[in-house]
């Protein structure tokens, strides 16, 4: 310990994160992501929620057909979800399953 350490300075603790700690943290993050995705995925086969999912699919379909939110139809959500849904409809057709898979992945990543 140096003379400065005796006067209230914090001694050097070495690297803040060691290699083994990083691997453990990464494994924990993966495990938490898989757990969150599993919990969210348990809702994949539930019936349709007419207000939220029904509107999202309808708005996505309208956007995929060339209409635009707030100009051609009212949307009480920001346009991001509608844009993603429209892209999914263009790629996979009008599929509630595609939207729910994206929702599961985003929800798990955000958890």
N, C-alpha and C. Protein backbone atom coordinates (compact mmCIF):
# COMPACT_ATOMS: atom_id res chain seq x y z
N UNK A 1 0.85 -1.16 0.00
CA UNK A 1 0.00 0.00 0.00
C UNK A 1 0.90 1.23 0.00
N UNK A 2 0.64 2.20 -0.83
CA UNK A 2 1.47 3.39 -0.90
C UNK A 2 1.08 4.36 0.20
N UNK A 3 1.85 5.41 0.34
CA UNK A 3 1.56 6.43 1.35
C UNK A 3 0.26 7.13 1.04
N UNK A 4 -0.05 7.28 -0.27
CA UNK A 4 -1.30 7.94 -0.65
C UNK A 4 -2.51 7.09 -0.28
N UNK A 5 -2.34 5.78 -0.32
CA UNK A 5 -3.46 4.90 0.00
C UNK A 5 -3.84 5.02 1.46
N UNK A 6 -2.88 5.30 2.30
CA UNK A 6 -3.17 5.45 3.72
C UNK A 6 -3.93 6.72 4.04
N UNK A 7 -3.95 7.70 3.14
CA UNK A 7 -4.61 8.97 3.39
C UNK A 7 -5.99 9.04 2.74
N UNK A 8 -6.68 7.93 2.56
CA UNK A 8 -8.05 7.96 2.05
C UNK A 8 -8.18 7.60 0.57
N UNK A 9 -7.08 7.39 -0.14
CA UNK A 9 -7.18 7.00 -1.54
C UNK A 9 -7.60 5.54 -1.63
N UNK A 10 -8.30 5.21 -2.66
CA UNK A 10 -8.76 3.83 -2.87
C UNK A 10 -7.64 3.04 -3.53
N UNK A 11 -7.26 1.91 -2.96
CA UNK A 11 -6.20 1.10 -3.59
C UNK A 11 -6.68 0.50 -4.90
N UNK A 12 -5.75 0.22 -5.78
CA UNK A 12 -6.08 -0.36 -7.08
C UNK A 12 -6.63 -1.77 -6.87
N UNK A 13 -7.85 -1.99 -7.38
CA UNK A 13 -8.49 -3.30 -7.22
C UNK A 13 -8.25 -4.18 -8.43
N UNK A 14 -7.45 -3.75 -9.38
CA UNK A 14 -7.21 -4.53 -10.59
C UNK A 14 -8.31 -4.28 -11.61
N UNK A 15 -8.37 -5.11 -12.65
CA UNK A 15 -9.40 -4.91 -13.66
C UNK A 15 -10.80 -4.99 -13.04
N UNK A 16 -11.68 -4.10 -13.48
CA UNK A 16 -13.03 -4.04 -12.92
C UNK A 16 -13.80 -5.32 -13.21
N UNK A 17 -13.63 -5.87 -14.40
CA UNK A 17 -14.34 -7.10 -14.76
C UNK A 17 -13.30 -8.08 -15.28
N UNK A 18 -13.21 -9.19 -14.66
CA UNK A 18 -12.26 -10.22 -15.08
C UNK A 18 -12.90 -11.08 -16.15
N UNK A 19 -12.06 -11.82 -16.88
CA UNK A 19 -12.56 -12.65 -17.99
C UNK A 19 -13.62 -13.63 -17.53
N UNK A 20 -13.39 -14.32 -16.43
CA UNK A 20 -14.36 -15.30 -15.92
C UNK A 20 -15.67 -14.63 -15.54
N UNK A 21 -15.59 -13.42 -15.01
CA UNK A 21 -16.80 -12.69 -14.64
C UNK A 21 -17.60 -12.31 -15.88
N UNK A 22 -16.91 -11.95 -16.97
CA UNK A 22 -17.60 -11.61 -18.22
C UNK A 22 -18.34 -12.81 -18.78
N UNK A 23 -17.70 -13.98 -18.74
CA UNK A 23 -18.34 -15.19 -19.25
C UNK A 23 -19.56 -15.53 -18.41
N UNK A 24 -19.46 -15.39 -17.11
CA UNK A 24 -20.60 -15.65 -16.24
C UNK A 24 -21.72 -14.66 -16.47
N UNK A 25 -21.37 -13.40 -16.67
CA UNK A 25 -22.38 -12.37 -16.93
C UNK A 25 -23.07 -12.63 -18.27
N UNK A 26 -22.31 -13.04 -19.27
CA UNK A 26 -22.90 -13.33 -20.59
C UNK A 26 -23.83 -14.53 -20.49
N UNK A 27 -23.42 -15.56 -19.75
CA UNK A 27 -24.27 -16.74 -19.58
C UNK A 27 -25.56 -16.37 -18.85
N UNK A 28 -25.45 -15.50 -17.85
CA UNK A 28 -26.65 -15.05 -17.13
C UNK A 28 -27.57 -14.26 -18.05
N UNK A 29 -27.01 -13.40 -18.89
CA UNK A 29 -27.83 -12.63 -19.84
C UNK A 29 -28.54 -13.55 -20.81
N UNK A 30 -27.86 -14.55 -21.32
CA UNK A 30 -28.48 -15.50 -22.24
C UNK A 30 -29.59 -16.27 -21.53
N UNK A 31 -29.32 -16.71 -20.31
CA UNK A 31 -30.32 -17.45 -19.55
C UNK A 31 -31.56 -16.59 -19.29
N UNK A 32 -31.35 -15.33 -18.92
CA UNK A 32 -32.48 -14.44 -18.67
C UNK A 32 -33.25 -14.15 -19.95
N UNK A 33 -32.54 -14.00 -21.09
CA UNK A 33 -33.22 -13.79 -22.36
C UNK A 33 -34.08 -15.00 -22.72
N UNK A 34 -33.53 -16.20 -22.55
CA UNK A 34 -34.28 -17.42 -22.86
C UNK A 34 -35.49 -17.55 -21.94
N UNK A 35 -35.31 -17.24 -20.67
CA UNK A 35 -36.42 -17.30 -19.72
C UNK A 35 -37.51 -16.29 -20.09
N UNK A 36 -37.12 -15.05 -20.38
CA UNK A 36 -38.09 -14.02 -20.76
C UNK A 36 -38.80 -14.39 -22.06
N UNK A 37 -38.05 -14.93 -23.03
CA UNK A 37 -38.66 -15.35 -24.29
C UNK A 37 -39.63 -16.49 -24.06
N UNK A 38 -39.26 -17.42 -23.20
CA UNK A 38 -40.15 -18.54 -22.88
C UNK A 38 -41.44 -18.07 -22.24
N UNK A 39 -41.32 -17.14 -21.30
CA UNK A 39 -42.53 -16.61 -20.66
C UNK A 39 -43.41 -15.87 -21.66
N UNK A 40 -42.79 -15.04 -22.49
CA UNK A 40 -43.56 -14.30 -23.49
C UNK A 40 -44.14 -15.25 -24.54
N UNK A 41 -43.39 -16.29 -24.89
CA UNK A 41 -43.86 -17.23 -25.92
C UNK A 41 -45.06 -18.04 -25.45
N UNK A 42 -45.27 -18.10 -24.15
CA UNK A 42 -46.43 -18.84 -23.65
C UNK A 42 -47.74 -18.22 -24.13
N UNK A 43 -47.68 -16.99 -24.63
CA UNK A 43 -48.90 -16.31 -25.11
C UNK A 43 -49.10 -16.46 -26.61
N UNK A 44 -48.18 -17.13 -27.31
CA UNK A 44 -48.26 -17.20 -28.77
C UNK A 44 -49.56 -17.81 -29.28
N UNK A 45 -50.11 -18.76 -28.57
CA UNK A 45 -51.28 -19.47 -29.07
C UNK A 45 -52.59 -18.98 -28.43
N UNK A 46 -52.54 -17.88 -27.71
CA UNK A 46 -53.75 -17.31 -27.16
C UNK A 46 -54.61 -16.79 -28.29
N UNK A 47 -55.89 -16.61 -28.04
CA UNK A 47 -56.78 -16.04 -29.05
C UNK A 47 -56.40 -14.60 -29.34
N UNK A 48 -56.98 -14.05 -30.38
CA UNK A 48 -56.65 -12.68 -30.79
C UNK A 48 -57.24 -11.68 -29.80
N UNK A 49 -56.50 -10.65 -29.55
CA UNK A 49 -56.96 -9.52 -28.75
C UNK A 49 -57.45 -8.47 -29.75
N UNK A 50 -58.77 -8.35 -29.91
CA UNK A 50 -59.29 -7.51 -31.00
C UNK A 50 -58.82 -6.07 -30.97
N UNK A 51 -58.69 -5.50 -29.76
CA UNK A 51 -58.30 -4.08 -29.74
C UNK A 51 -56.85 -3.90 -30.16
N UNK A 52 -55.93 -4.49 -29.43
CA UNK A 52 -54.53 -4.25 -29.72
C UNK A 52 -54.05 -4.98 -30.97
N UNK A 53 -54.12 -6.30 -30.96
CA UNK A 53 -53.59 -7.06 -32.09
C UNK A 53 -54.44 -6.90 -33.34
N UNK A 54 -55.74 -6.86 -33.15
CA UNK A 54 -56.63 -6.69 -34.30
C UNK A 54 -56.39 -5.36 -35.00
N UNK A 55 -56.28 -4.31 -34.20
CA UNK A 55 -56.01 -2.99 -34.79
C UNK A 55 -54.63 -2.94 -35.43
N UNK A 56 -53.62 -3.54 -34.76
CA UNK A 56 -52.27 -3.53 -35.33
C UNK A 56 -52.24 -4.23 -36.69
N UNK A 57 -52.93 -5.37 -36.79
CA UNK A 57 -52.97 -6.08 -38.07
C UNK A 57 -53.73 -5.28 -39.13
N UNK A 58 -54.84 -4.67 -38.73
CA UNK A 58 -55.62 -3.87 -39.68
C UNK A 58 -54.82 -2.66 -40.15
N UNK A 59 -54.17 -1.99 -39.21
CA UNK A 59 -53.37 -0.81 -39.59
C UNK A 59 -52.17 -1.22 -40.44
N UNK A 60 -51.52 -2.32 -40.08
CA UNK A 60 -50.39 -2.80 -40.88
C UNK A 60 -50.83 -3.15 -42.30
N UNK A 61 -52.00 -3.76 -42.42
CA UNK A 61 -52.54 -4.11 -43.74
C UNK A 61 -52.81 -2.85 -44.55
N UNK A 62 -53.39 -1.84 -43.91
CA UNK A 62 -53.68 -0.58 -44.61
C UNK A 62 -52.39 0.10 -45.06
N UNK A 63 -51.39 0.09 -44.20
CA UNK A 63 -50.10 0.68 -44.57
C UNK A 63 -49.45 -0.11 -45.70
N UNK A 64 -49.53 -1.44 -45.64
CA UNK A 64 -48.99 -2.28 -46.71
C UNK A 64 -49.70 -2.02 -48.03
N UNK A 65 -50.96 -1.59 -47.96
CA UNK A 65 -51.74 -1.28 -49.17
C UNK A 65 -51.55 0.16 -49.64
N UNK A 66 -50.69 0.94 -48.98
CA UNK A 66 -50.37 2.27 -49.45
C UNK A 66 -50.99 3.41 -48.65
N UNK A 67 -51.80 3.12 -47.67
CA UNK A 67 -52.36 4.18 -46.84
C UNK A 67 -51.33 4.57 -45.77
N UNK A 68 -51.54 5.70 -45.11
CA UNK A 68 -50.59 6.18 -44.13
C UNK A 68 -51.33 6.57 -42.85
N UNK A 69 -50.78 6.17 -41.68
CA UNK A 69 -51.45 6.53 -40.43
C UNK A 69 -51.52 8.04 -40.25
N UNK A 70 -52.60 8.48 -39.64
CA UNK A 70 -52.88 9.88 -39.32
C UNK A 70 -53.28 10.69 -40.55
N UNK A 71 -53.02 10.19 -41.73
CA UNK A 71 -53.49 10.85 -42.95
C UNK A 71 -54.72 10.13 -43.48
N UNK A 72 -54.64 8.80 -43.58
CA UNK A 72 -55.73 8.01 -44.16
C UNK A 72 -56.54 7.26 -43.11
N UNK A 73 -55.99 7.06 -41.94
CA UNK A 73 -56.72 6.38 -40.86
C UNK A 73 -56.11 6.80 -39.53
N UNK A 74 -56.93 6.71 -38.50
CA UNK A 74 -56.46 7.08 -37.16
C UNK A 74 -55.78 5.90 -36.50
N UNK A 75 -54.68 6.18 -35.84
CA UNK A 75 -53.96 5.18 -35.04
C UNK A 75 -53.65 5.82 -33.70
N UNK A 76 -53.97 5.13 -32.62
CA UNK A 76 -53.68 5.70 -31.31
C UNK A 76 -52.32 5.22 -30.78
N UNK A 77 -51.48 4.71 -31.66
CA UNK A 77 -50.11 4.32 -31.32
C UNK A 77 -49.14 5.07 -32.23
N UNK A 78 -47.88 5.22 -31.79
CA UNK A 78 -46.88 5.80 -32.70
C UNK A 78 -46.72 4.90 -33.93
N UNK A 79 -46.22 5.43 -35.03
CA UNK A 79 -46.20 4.66 -36.29
C UNK A 79 -45.21 3.50 -36.33
N UNK A 80 -44.31 3.38 -35.39
CA UNK A 80 -43.30 2.33 -35.45
C UNK A 80 -43.89 0.93 -35.50
N UNK A 81 -44.84 0.65 -34.61
CA UNK A 81 -45.46 -0.68 -34.61
C UNK A 81 -46.19 -0.94 -35.92
N UNK A 82 -46.86 0.07 -36.43
CA UNK A 82 -47.60 -0.09 -37.69
C UNK A 82 -46.63 -0.36 -38.83
N UNK A 83 -45.49 0.32 -38.84
CA UNK A 83 -44.49 0.10 -39.89
C UNK A 83 -43.92 -1.32 -39.82
N UNK A 84 -43.63 -1.79 -38.61
CA UNK A 84 -43.11 -3.15 -38.45
C UNK A 84 -44.16 -4.16 -38.90
N UNK A 85 -45.40 -3.95 -38.48
CA UNK A 85 -46.48 -4.86 -38.87
C UNK A 85 -46.66 -4.87 -40.38
N UNK A 86 -46.60 -3.71 -41.01
CA UNK A 86 -46.74 -3.64 -42.47
C UNK A 86 -45.61 -4.41 -43.15
N UNK A 87 -44.39 -4.27 -42.64
CA UNK A 87 -43.26 -5.03 -43.19
C UNK A 87 -43.45 -6.53 -43.05
N UNK A 88 -43.96 -6.95 -41.89
CA UNK A 88 -44.23 -8.37 -41.68
C UNK A 88 -45.32 -8.87 -42.61
N UNK A 89 -46.34 -8.05 -42.84
CA UNK A 89 -47.42 -8.44 -43.75
C UNK A 89 -46.89 -8.57 -45.17
N UNK A 90 -46.01 -7.65 -45.57
CA UNK A 90 -45.41 -7.76 -46.92
C UNK A 90 -44.56 -9.02 -47.04
N UNK A 91 -43.84 -9.39 -45.97
CA UNK A 91 -42.98 -10.57 -46.01
C UNK A 91 -43.74 -11.89 -45.87
N UNK A 92 -44.68 -11.95 -44.92
CA UNK A 92 -45.30 -13.22 -44.56
C UNK A 92 -46.80 -13.27 -44.79
N UNK A 93 -47.40 -12.19 -45.29
CA UNK A 93 -48.85 -12.14 -45.40
C UNK A 93 -49.44 -11.73 -44.05
N UNK A 94 -50.75 -11.58 -43.99
CA UNK A 94 -51.37 -11.13 -42.74
C UNK A 94 -51.34 -12.24 -41.68
N UNK A 95 -50.27 -12.26 -40.91
CA UNK A 95 -50.05 -13.33 -39.94
C UNK A 95 -49.92 -12.76 -38.54
N UNK A 96 -50.83 -13.17 -37.68
CA UNK A 96 -50.73 -12.80 -36.28
C UNK A 96 -49.53 -13.48 -35.64
N UNK A 97 -49.18 -14.66 -36.09
CA UNK A 97 -48.05 -15.40 -35.53
C UNK A 97 -46.74 -14.66 -35.76
N UNK A 98 -46.53 -14.11 -36.95
CA UNK A 98 -45.29 -13.36 -37.24
C UNK A 98 -45.17 -12.18 -36.29
N UNK A 99 -46.27 -11.44 -36.08
CA UNK A 99 -46.26 -10.29 -35.17
C UNK A 99 -45.95 -10.75 -33.75
N UNK A 100 -46.54 -11.85 -33.33
CA UNK A 100 -46.32 -12.32 -31.96
C UNK A 100 -44.88 -12.80 -31.76
N UNK A 101 -44.28 -13.39 -32.76
CA UNK A 101 -42.88 -13.82 -32.64
C UNK A 101 -41.97 -12.60 -32.48
N UNK A 102 -42.21 -11.56 -33.26
CA UNK A 102 -41.43 -10.33 -33.12
C UNK A 102 -41.65 -9.74 -31.74
N UNK A 103 -42.89 -9.73 -31.28
CA UNK A 103 -43.21 -9.19 -29.95
C UNK A 103 -42.48 -9.98 -28.86
N UNK A 104 -42.42 -11.29 -28.99
CA UNK A 104 -41.71 -12.14 -28.02
C UNK A 104 -40.23 -11.78 -28.01
N UNK A 105 -39.61 -11.66 -29.16
CA UNK A 105 -38.18 -11.37 -29.24
C UNK A 105 -37.86 -9.99 -28.70
N UNK A 106 -38.67 -9.01 -29.07
CA UNK A 106 -38.43 -7.64 -28.57
C UNK A 106 -38.67 -7.58 -27.06
N UNK A 107 -39.75 -8.23 -26.61
CA UNK A 107 -40.03 -8.24 -25.18
C UNK A 107 -38.93 -8.92 -24.38
N UNK A 108 -38.41 -10.01 -24.88
CA UNK A 108 -37.33 -10.71 -24.19
C UNK A 108 -36.05 -9.88 -24.19
N UNK A 109 -35.76 -9.21 -25.30
CA UNK A 109 -34.55 -8.38 -25.36
C UNK A 109 -34.66 -7.18 -24.43
N UNK A 110 -35.86 -6.67 -24.25
CA UNK A 110 -36.05 -5.51 -23.40
C UNK A 110 -36.09 -5.86 -21.92
N UNK A 111 -36.26 -7.14 -21.62
CA UNK A 111 -36.38 -7.54 -20.20
C UNK A 111 -35.06 -7.55 -19.49
